[in-house]
C-alpha atoms as a PDB file:
ATOM      1  CA  MET A   1    -137.788 146.929-169.234  1.00  0.00           C
ATOM      2  CA  SER A   2    -138.493 143.733-168.188  1.00  0.00           C
ATOM      3  CA  CYS A   3    -135.072 142.895-169.972  1.00  0.00           C
ATOM      4  CA  PHE A   4    -132.989 145.693-168.477  1.00  0.00           C
ATOM      5  CA  LEU A   5    -133.600 144.891-165.358  1.00  0.00           C
ATOM      6  CA  THR A   6    -132.786 141.095-165.801  1.00  0.00           C
ATOM      7  CA  ASN A   7    -130.190 140.918-168.375  1.00  0.00           C
ATOM      8  CA  SER A   8    -128.114 144.001-167.772  1.00  0.00           C
ATOM      9  CA  SER A   9    -125.497 144.544-164.274  1.00  0.00           C
ATOM     10  CA  VAL A  10    -127.032 148.074-164.126  1.00  0.00           C
ATOM     11  CA  GLY A  11    -130.077 146.786-164.117  1.00  0.00           C
ATOM     12  CA  LYS A  12    -130.101 143.934-161.699  1.00  0.00           C
ATOM     13  CA  LYS A  13    -127.539 145.896-159.163  1.00  0.00           C
ATOM     14  CA  LEU A  14    -130.296 148.724-159.731  1.00  0.00           C
ATOM     15  CA  VAL A  15    -132.957 146.014-158.484  1.00  0.00           C
ATOM     16  CA  MET A  16    -130.314 144.921-155.352  1.00  0.00           C
ATOM     17  CA  SER A  17    -130.143 148.582-154.626  1.00  0.00           C
ATOM     18  CA  VAL A  18    -133.982 149.138-154.364  1.00  0.00           C
ATOM     19  CA  THR A  19    -135.076 145.960-152.262  1.00  0.00           C
ATOM     20  CA  GLY A  20    -131.587 146.045-150.383  1.00  0.00           C
ATOM     21  CA  CYS A  21    -132.980 150.493-149.562  1.00  0.00           C
ATOM     22  CA  PHE A  22    -137.000 148.637-148.540  1.00  0.00           C
ATOM     23  CA  LEU A  23    -135.332 146.112-145.941  1.00  0.00           C
ATOM     24  CA  VAL A  24    -132.956 148.258-144.343  1.00  0.00           C
ATOM     25  CA  LEU A  25    -135.569 150.635-144.039  1.00  0.00           C
ATOM     26  CA  PHE A  26    -137.326 147.813-142.402  1.00  0.00           C
ATOM     27  CA  ILE A  27    -134.671 146.089-139.810  1.00  0.00           C
ATOM     28  CA  LEU A  28    -134.345 150.042-139.126  1.00  0.00           C
ATOM     29  CA  PHE A  29    -138.088 149.935-137.836  1.00  0.00           C
ATOM     30  CA  HIS A  30    -137.752 146.470-136.476  1.00  0.00           C
ATOM     31  CA  MET A  31    -134.788 147.441-134.668  1.00  0.00           C
ATOM     32  CA  SER A  32    -136.812 150.802-133.523  1.00  0.00           C
ATOM     33  CA  MET A  33    -139.953 148.304-132.047  1.00  0.00           C
ATOM     34  CA  ASN A  34    -137.664 145.877-130.683  1.00  0.00           C
ATOM     35  CA  LEU A  35    -136.200 148.481-128.897  1.00  0.00           C
ATOM     36  CA  THR A  36    -139.831 149.297-127.528  1.00  0.00           C
ATOM     37  CA  VAL A  37    -139.249 145.620-125.049  1.00  0.00           C
ATOM     38  CA  LEU A  38    -136.755 147.414-122.709  1.00  0.00           C
ATOM     39  CA  PHE A  39    -138.419 150.268-121.529  1.00  0.00           C
ATOM     40  CA  SER A  40    -142.204 148.295-121.727  1.00  0.00           C
ATOM     41  CA  ARG A  41    -142.990 145.110-121.899  1.00  0.00           C
ATOM     42  CA  GLU A  42    -146.544 146.120-122.743  1.00  0.00           C
ATOM     43  CA  ALA A  43    -146.343 148.687-125.097  1.00  0.00           C
ATOM     44  CA  TYR A  44    -143.898 146.170-126.879  1.00  0.00           C
ATOM     45  CA  ASN A  45    -146.852 143.365-126.843  1.00  0.00           C
ATOM     46  CA  LEU A  46    -149.493 146.341-127.808  1.00  0.00           C
ATOM     47  CA  VAL A  47    -147.306 146.629-131.306  1.00  0.00           C
ATOM     48  CA  CYS A  48    -147.751 143.640-131.406  1.00  0.00           C
ATOM     49  CA  GLU A  49    -151.443 142.888-131.364  1.00  0.00           C
ATOM     50  CA  PHE A  50    -151.753 146.106-133.308  1.00  0.00           C
ATOM     51  CA  LEU A  51    -150.312 144.379-136.528  1.00  0.00           C
ATOM     52  CA  GLY A  52    -150.631 140.116-136.004  1.00  0.00           C
ATOM     53  CA  ALA A  53    -152.648 139.721-138.214  1.00  0.00           C
ATOM     54  CA  ASN A  54    -154.731 142.088-139.844  1.00  0.00           C
ATOM     55  CA  TRP A  55    -154.685 142.688-143.310  1.00  0.00           C
ATOM     56  CA  TYR A  56    -152.090 145.479-143.416  1.00  0.00           C
ATOM     57  CA  ALA A  57    -149.851 143.009-141.870  1.00  0.00           C
ATOM     58  CA  LEU A  58    -149.844 139.966-144.014  1.00  0.00           C
ATOM     59  CA  ALA A  59    -149.887 141.719-146.864  1.00  0.00           C
ATOM     60  CA  ALA A  60    -146.606 143.689-145.683  1.00  0.00           C
ATOM     61  CA  THR A  61    -145.312 139.748-144.600  1.00  0.00           C
ATOM     62  CA  VAL A  62    -145.414 139.180-148.332  1.00  0.00           C
ATOM     63  CA  VAL A  63    -144.159 142.316-149.586  1.00  0.00           C
ATOM     64  CA  LEU A  64    -141.420 141.644-147.260  1.00  0.00           C
ATOM     65  CA  ALA A  65    -140.509 138.151-148.556  1.00  0.00           C
ATOM     66  CA  GLY A  66    -140.379 139.007-151.985  1.00  0.00           C
ATOM     67  CA  GLY A  67    -137.979 141.574-151.154  1.00  0.00           C
ATOM     68  CA  VAL A  68    -135.765 139.376-149.476  1.00  0.00           C
ATOM     69  CA  ALA A  69    -136.533 136.482-152.398  1.00  0.00           C
ATOM     70  CA  VAL A  70    -135.715 138.825-155.340  1.00  0.00           C
ATOM     71  CA  HIS A  71    -132.591 140.430-153.411  1.00  0.00           C
ATOM     72  CA  PHE A  72    -131.039 136.860-152.399  1.00  0.00           C
ATOM     73  CA  ILE A  73    -131.927 135.629-155.912  1.00  0.00           C
ATOM     74  CA  TYR A  74    -130.319 138.583-157.831  1.00  0.00           C
ATOM     75  CA  ALA A  75    -127.541 138.559-155.484  1.00  0.00           C
ATOM     76  CA  PHE A  76    -126.782 135.414-156.621  1.00  0.00           C
ATOM     77  CA  ILE A  77    -127.349 135.990-160.148  1.00  0.00           C
ATOM     78  CA  LEU A  78    -124.956 139.290-160.279  1.00  0.00           C
ATOM     79  CA  THR A  79    -122.306 136.708-157.609  1.00  0.00           C
ATOM     80  CA  LEU A  80    -122.310 134.071-160.870  1.00  0.00           C
ATOM     81  CA  ASP A  81    -122.339 136.996-163.097  1.00  0.00           C
ATOM     82  CA  ASN A  82    -119.183 138.285-162.352  1.00  0.00           C
ATOM     83  CA  TYR A  83    -117.183 134.729-161.731  1.00  0.00           C
ATOM     84  CA  ARG A  84    -117.699 133.973-164.951  1.00  0.00           C
ATOM     85  CA  ALA A  85    -116.475 137.633-166.872  1.00  0.00           C
ATOM     86  CA  ARG A  86    -113.369 137.333-164.159  1.00  0.00           C
ATOM     87  CA  GLY A  87    -112.724 133.241-166.001  1.00  0.00           C
ATOM     88  CA  LYS A  88    -108.829 132.861-164.701  1.00  0.00           C
ATOM     89  CA  GLN A  89    -107.903 135.714-163.471  1.00  0.00           C
ATOM     90  CA  ARG A  90    -109.562 134.697-160.479  1.00  0.00           C
ATOM     91  CA  TYR A  91    -106.988 132.195-159.271  1.00  0.00           C
ATOM     92  CA  ALA A  92    -104.398 134.716-159.921  1.00  0.00           C
ATOM     93  CA  VAL A  93    -105.569 137.393-156.861  1.00  0.00           C
ATOM     94  CA  THR A  94    -103.012 136.926-153.941  1.00  0.00           C
ATOM     95  CA  VAL A  95    -103.733 140.492-152.402  1.00  0.00           C
ATOM     96  CA  GLN A  96    -106.460 142.773-151.431  1.00  0.00           C
ATOM     97  CA  GLU A  97    -107.505 144.891-153.985  1.00  0.00           C
ATOM     98  CA  LYS A  98    -107.065 148.219-152.340  1.00  0.00           C
ATOM     99  CA  GLY A  99    -110.448 150.186-151.140  1.00  0.00           C
ATOM    100  CA  VAL A 100    -111.956 146.526-151.415  1.00  0.00           C
ATOM    101  CA  SER A 101    -112.971 144.729-148.345  1.00  0.00           C
ATOM    102  CA  TRP A 102    -113.354 141.730-146.725  1.00  0.00           C
ATOM    103  CA  ALA A 103    -117.235 142.760-146.800  1.00  0.00           C
ATOM    104  CA  SER A 104    -117.238 143.558-150.695  1.00  0.00           C
ATOM    105  CA  LYS A 105    -115.582 139.805-151.627  1.00  0.00           C
ATOM    106  CA  ASN A 106    -117.576 137.787-149.342  1.00  0.00           C
ATOM    107  CA  MET A 107    -121.273 138.980-149.704  1.00  0.00           C
ATOM    108  CA  LEU A 108    -122.848 136.128-150.660  1.00  0.00           C
ATOM    109  CA  VAL A 109    -121.787 134.096-148.154  1.00  0.00           C
ATOM    110  CA  LEU A 110    -122.924 136.978-145.685  1.00  0.00           C
ATOM    111  CA  GLY A 111    -126.041 137.001-147.569  1.00  0.00           C
ATOM    112  CA  ILE A 112    -126.601 132.881-147.259  1.00  0.00           C
ATOM    113  CA  ILE A 113    -125.949 133.662-143.438  1.00  0.00           C
ATOM    114  CA  VAL A 114    -127.898 136.108-142.659  1.00  0.00           C
ATOM    115  CA  VAL A 115    -131.335 134.463-144.477  1.00  0.00           C
ATOM    116  CA  LEU A 116    -130.142 131.168-142.303  1.00  0.00           C
ATOM    117  CA  GLY A 117    -130.452 133.624-139.469  1.00  0.00           C
ATOM    118  CA  LEU A 118    -133.972 134.735-140.910  1.00  0.00           C
ATOM    119  CA  ALA A 119    -135.089 131.216-140.731  1.00  0.00           C
ATOM    120  CA  LEU A 120    -134.207 130.647-137.427  1.00  0.00           C
ATOM    121  CA  HIS A 121    -136.050 133.980-136.674  1.00  0.00           C
ATOM    122  CA  LEU A 122    -138.772 132.190-138.750  1.00  0.00           C
ATOM    123  CA  VAL A 123    -139.058 129.501-136.647  1.00  0.00           C
ATOM    124  CA  HIS A 124    -138.931 131.164-133.589  1.00  0.00           C
ATOM    125  CA  PHE A 125    -141.491 134.018-133.520  1.00  0.00           C
ATOM    126  CA  TRP A 126    -143.138 134.711-136.961  1.00  0.00           C
ATOM    127  CA  SER A 127    -144.351 131.291-136.483  1.00  0.00           C
ATOM    128  CA  LYS A 128    -145.226 131.751-133.077  1.00  0.00           C
ATOM    129  CA  MET A 129    -147.302 134.765-133.256  1.00  0.00           C
ATOM    130  CA  GLN A 130    -148.603 136.542-137.079  1.00  0.00           C
ATOM    131  CA  LEU A 131    -148.977 132.726-138.120  1.00  0.00           C
ATOM    132  CA  VAL A 132    -150.394 130.991-135.612  1.00  0.00           C
ATOM    133  CA  GLU A 133    -153.228 133.872-135.304  1.00  0.00           C
ATOM    134  CA  VAL A 134    -154.361 133.297-138.155  1.00  0.00           C
ATOM    135  CA  LEU A 135    -154.379 129.550-137.854  1.00  0.00           C
ATOM    136  CA  HIS A 136    -156.862 131.218-134.706  1.00  0.00           C
ATOM    137  CA  SER A 137    -154.293 129.213-131.587  1.00  0.00           C
ATOM    138  CA  GLN A 138    -151.936 130.484-129.456  1.00  0.00           C
ATOM    139  CA  PHE A 139    -147.957 129.441-129.015  1.00  0.00           C
ATOM    140  CA  ALA A 140    -147.544 126.970-126.534  1.00  0.00           C
ATOM    141  CA  MET A 141    -144.572 127.383-124.302  1.00  0.00           C
ATOM    142  CA  GLY A 142    -144.154 125.213-121.307  1.00  0.00           C
ATOM    143  CA  VAL A 143    -145.978 123.149-119.701  1.00  0.00           C
ATOM    144  CA  ASP A 144    -147.723 123.626-116.010  1.00  0.00           C
ATOM    145  CA  ALA A 145    -147.007 121.806-112.228  1.00  0.00           C
ATOM    146  CA  ASN A 146    -149.488 118.802-113.259  1.00  0.00           C
ATOM    147  CA  GLY A 147    -147.624 118.311-116.992  1.00  0.00           C
ATOM    148  CA  ALA A 148    -150.273 120.255-118.949  1.00  0.00           C
ATOM    149  CA  GLU A 149    -149.491 121.954-121.977  1.00  0.00           C
ATOM    150  CA  LEU A 150    -149.931 125.833-120.783  1.00  0.00           C
ATOM    151  CA  THR A 151    -150.302 128.121-124.232  1.00  0.00           C
ATOM    152  CA  PHE A 152    -150.017 132.278-124.784  1.00  0.00           C
ATOM    153  CA  HIS A 153    -151.611 135.270-126.988  1.00  0.00           C
ATOM    154  CA  PRO A 154    -150.145 135.238-129.872  1.00  0.00           C
ATOM    155  CA  ALA A 155    -149.329 138.889-129.001  1.00  0.00           C
ATOM    156  CA  ASN A 156    -147.437 137.990-125.822  1.00  0.00           C
ATOM    157  CA  GLY A 157    -144.789 139.134-127.597  1.00  0.00           C
ATOM    158  CA  ALA A 158    -142.443 140.570-124.953  1.00  0.00           C
ATOM    159  CA  LEU A 159    -142.847 136.688-122.827  1.00  0.00           C
ATOM    160  CA  LEU A 160    -141.989 135.008-125.619  1.00  0.00           C
ATOM    161  CA  MET A 161    -138.931 136.897-126.757  1.00  0.00           C
ATOM    162  CA  ALA A 162    -137.911 136.758-122.704  1.00  0.00           C
ATOM    163  CA  PHE A 163    -138.406 133.119-123.017  1.00  0.00           C
ATOM    164  CA  THR A 164    -136.440 133.276-126.447  1.00  0.00           C
ATOM    165  CA  PHE A 165    -133.738 134.517-125.169  1.00  0.00           C
ATOM    166  CA  SER A 166    -133.474 133.321-121.824  1.00  0.00           C
ATOM    167  CA  LYS A 167    -131.235 130.096-123.788  1.00  0.00           C
ATOM    168  CA  TRP A 168    -127.608 130.780-124.102  1.00  0.00           C
ATOM    169  CA  TYR A 169    -127.103 129.366-127.611  1.00  0.00           C
ATOM    170  CA  ASN A 170    -130.447 131.004-128.755  1.00  0.00           C
ATOM    171  CA  VAL A 171    -128.404 134.242-127.910  1.00  0.00           C
ATOM    172  CA  VAL A 172    -125.257 132.755-129.636  1.00  0.00           C
ATOM    173  CA  LEU A 173    -126.639 131.941-132.498  1.00  0.00           C
ATOM    174  CA  TYR A 174    -128.437 135.487-132.778  1.00  0.00           C
ATOM    175  CA  LEU A 175    -125.503 137.363-131.753  1.00  0.00           C
ATOM    176  CA  VAL A 176    -123.855 135.522-135.094  1.00  0.00           C
ATOM    177  CA  TRP A 177    -126.584 136.418-137.240  1.00  0.00           C
ATOM    178  CA  PHE A 178    -126.478 140.406-136.618  1.00  0.00           C
ATOM    179  CA  ALA A 179    -122.611 140.124-137.081  1.00  0.00           C
ATOM    180  CA  ALA A 180    -122.597 138.595-140.340  1.00  0.00           C
ATOM    181  CA  LEU A 181    -125.740 141.029-140.580  1.00  0.00           C
ATOM    182  CA  TRP A 182    -123.333 143.724-140.014  1.00  0.00           C
ATOM    183  CA  PHE A 183    -120.474 143.057-141.988  1.00  0.00           C
ATOM    184  CA  HIS A 184    -123.421 142.250-144.979  1.00  0.00           C
ATOM    185  CA  LEU A 185    -124.549 146.626-144.351  1.00  0.00           C
ATOM    186  CA  THR A 186    -120.725 147.586-143.774  1.00  0.00           C
ATOM    187  CA  HIS A 187    -120.742 147.155-148.086  1.00  0.00           C
ATOM    188  CA  GLY A 188    -124.399 146.696-148.664  1.00  0.00           C
ATOM    189  CA  VAL A 189    -125.615 150.375-148.179  1.00  0.00           C
ATOM    190  CA  TRP A 190    -123.135 152.097-149.576  1.00  0.00           C
ATOM    191  CA  SER A 191    -123.230 149.686-152.410  1.00  0.00           C
ATOM    192  CA  MET A 192    -126.652 150.840-152.612  1.00  0.00           C
ATOM    193  CA  PHE A 193    -125.866 154.429-153.246  1.00  0.00           C
ATOM    194  CA  GLN A 194    -122.988 153.393-155.334  1.00  0.00           C
ATOM    195  CA  SER A 195    -126.073 151.148-158.145  1.00  0.00           C
ATOM    196  CA  ALA A 196    -127.366 155.116-157.889  1.00  0.00           C
ATOM    197  CA  GLY A 197    -124.965 156.848-159.476  1.00  0.00           C
ATOM    198  CA  PHE A 198    -123.149 158.359-155.783  1.00  0.00           C
ATOM    199  CA  ALA A 199    -119.234 157.100-156.432  1.00  0.00           C
ATOM    200  CA  ASN A 200    -117.178 159.723-157.092  1.00  0.00           C
ATOM    201  CA  ASP A 201    -114.312 160.479-154.772  1.00  0.00           C
ATOM    202  CA  THR A 202    -116.171 162.954-152.592  1.00  0.00           C
ATOM    203  CA  TRP A 203    -119.082 160.994-151.641  1.00  0.00           C
ATOM    204  CA  TYR A 204    -117.592 157.794-151.513  1.00  0.00           C
ATOM    205  CA  PRO A 205    -115.634 158.280-148.063  1.00  0.00           C
ATOM    206  CA  ARG A 206    -119.353 159.815-146.666  1.00  0.00           C
ATOM    207  CA  LEU A 207    -120.863 156.748-147.653  1.00  0.00           C
ATOM    208  CA  LYS A 208    -119.034 154.134-146.264  1.00  0.00           C
ATOM    209  CA  CYS A 209    -119.126 156.346-143.166  1.00  0.00           C
ATOM    210  CA  VAL A 210    -123.168 156.631-143.403  1.00  0.00           C
ATOM    211  CA  ALA A 211    -122.837 152.098-144.252  1.00  0.00           C
ATOM    212  CA  ASN A 212    -120.847 151.736-141.343  1.00  0.00           C
ATOM    213  CA  VAL A 213    -123.224 154.531-138.903  1.00  0.00           C
ATOM    214  CA  VAL A 214    -126.092 152.364-140.736  1.00  0.00           C
ATOM    215  CA  ALA A 215    -124.881 149.138-139.615  1.00  0.00           C
ATOM    216  CA  THR A 216    -123.377 148.961-135.752  1.00  0.00           C
ATOM    217  CA  LEU A 217    -126.900 150.985-134.978  1.00  0.00           C
ATOM    218  CA  ILE A 218    -128.925 148.180-136.386  1.00  0.00           C
ATOM    219  CA  PHE A 219    -126.106 144.969-134.978  1.00  0.00           C
ATOM    220  CA  LEU A 220    -126.260 147.034-130.971  1.00  0.00           C
ATOM    221  CA  GLY A 221    -129.704 147.958-131.109  1.00  0.00           C
ATOM    222  CA  PHE A 222    -130.574 144.284-132.163  1.00  0.00           C
ATOM    223  CA  ALA A 223    -127.596 142.890-129.920  1.00  0.00           C
ATOM    224  CA  VAL A 224    -128.827 144.751-126.727  1.00  0.00           C
ATOM    225  CA  VAL A 225    -132.290 143.374-126.774  1.00  0.00           C
ATOM    226  CA  ALA A 226    -130.969 140.074-127.064  1.00  0.00           C
ATOM    227  CA  VAL A 227    -128.653 139.554-124.091  1.00  0.00           C
ATOM    228  CA  VAL A 228    -130.855 142.266-121.639  1.00  0.00           C
ATOM    229  CA  CYS A 229    -133.383 139.688-122.183  1.00  0.00           C
ATOM    230  CA  PHE A 230    -130.918 136.599-121.110  1.00  0.00           C
ATOM    231  CA  PHE A 231    -130.367 138.508-118.409  1.00  0.00           C
ATOM    232  CA  LYS A 232    -133.627 139.847-117.475  1.00  0.00           C
ATOM    233  CA  SER A 233    -135.309 136.855-119.073  1.00  0.00           C
ATOM    234  CA  SER A 234    -136.897 135.794-115.314  1.00  0.00           C
ATOM    235  CA  ASP A 235    -137.860 139.208-114.864  1.00  0.00           C
ATOM    236  CA  PHE A 236    -139.802 139.421-118.032  1.00  0.00           C
ATOM    237  CA  ILE A 237    -141.597 136.329-118.183  1.00  0.00           C
ATOM    238  CA  ALA A 238    -142.726 137.041-114.673  1.00  0.00           C
ATOM    239  CA  GLU A 239    -143.936 140.279-115.701  1.00  0.00           C
ATOM    240  CA  MET A 240    -146.122 139.108-118.920  1.00  0.00           C
ATOM    241  CA  VAL A 241    -147.249 135.748-118.098  1.00  0.00           C
ATOM    242  CA  ASN A 242    -150.601 136.855-117.094  1.00  0.00           C
ATOM    243  CA  TRP A 243    -150.436 139.474-119.682  1.00  0.00           C
ATOM    244  CA  THR A 244    -154.208 139.364-122.002  1.00  0.00           C
ATOM    245  CA  PRO A 245    -154.232 141.162-124.709  1.00  0.00           C
ATOM    246  CA  GLY A 246    -156.490 145.497-124.908  1.00  0.00           C
ATOM    247  CA  LEU A 247    -156.935 146.184-128.456  1.00  0.00           C
END
């Protein structure tokens, strides 16, 4: 079985399909969680507190990190395999093949941008929330009138989100990340089903439509949070600066 998953093209695509499905489900969950902050900052913080550094959240983080690593490694391997298989023919391609999207031909580049965006996200949020909680500390954000460092509970995700997106360049960086994720998912979601055997003429347009809908919902869900937090950052910060955990 291990040889099939590592040596066979079909096996490698199956691994990509399974890990991709897992990651899409997580992204949908994360997007839904983020949307909560628009309606109730306290409710969002309660979710952050519930997840936090509990054993189940830490276990899920390890599994998620493993899924991302496997997905990226296999994507890189498949790209190299395709490159070698084409040989000199790759230089003969001068027109866009019918039915082949730009995203499908640039999945590795898009994947690299997605991973870089993920790294930025880890620096901005995970390192100041779950990691800080594991270390039994608090995250720092600015200084008071006397120059003393201000620290806050790691579950105060609403405050951290408002502070992060109060800076326009962070909003721009995240929107670029979300756009790359949109392109990546428009191909990745339907390709995931194709690898599972849904590759006939009947299902192809349906799956392309599903992929576009899912990718667009994810893009809009994340983007609207970043933009609203930018314009409402002052209100959100004033509202949550004195928040204390309730669990």
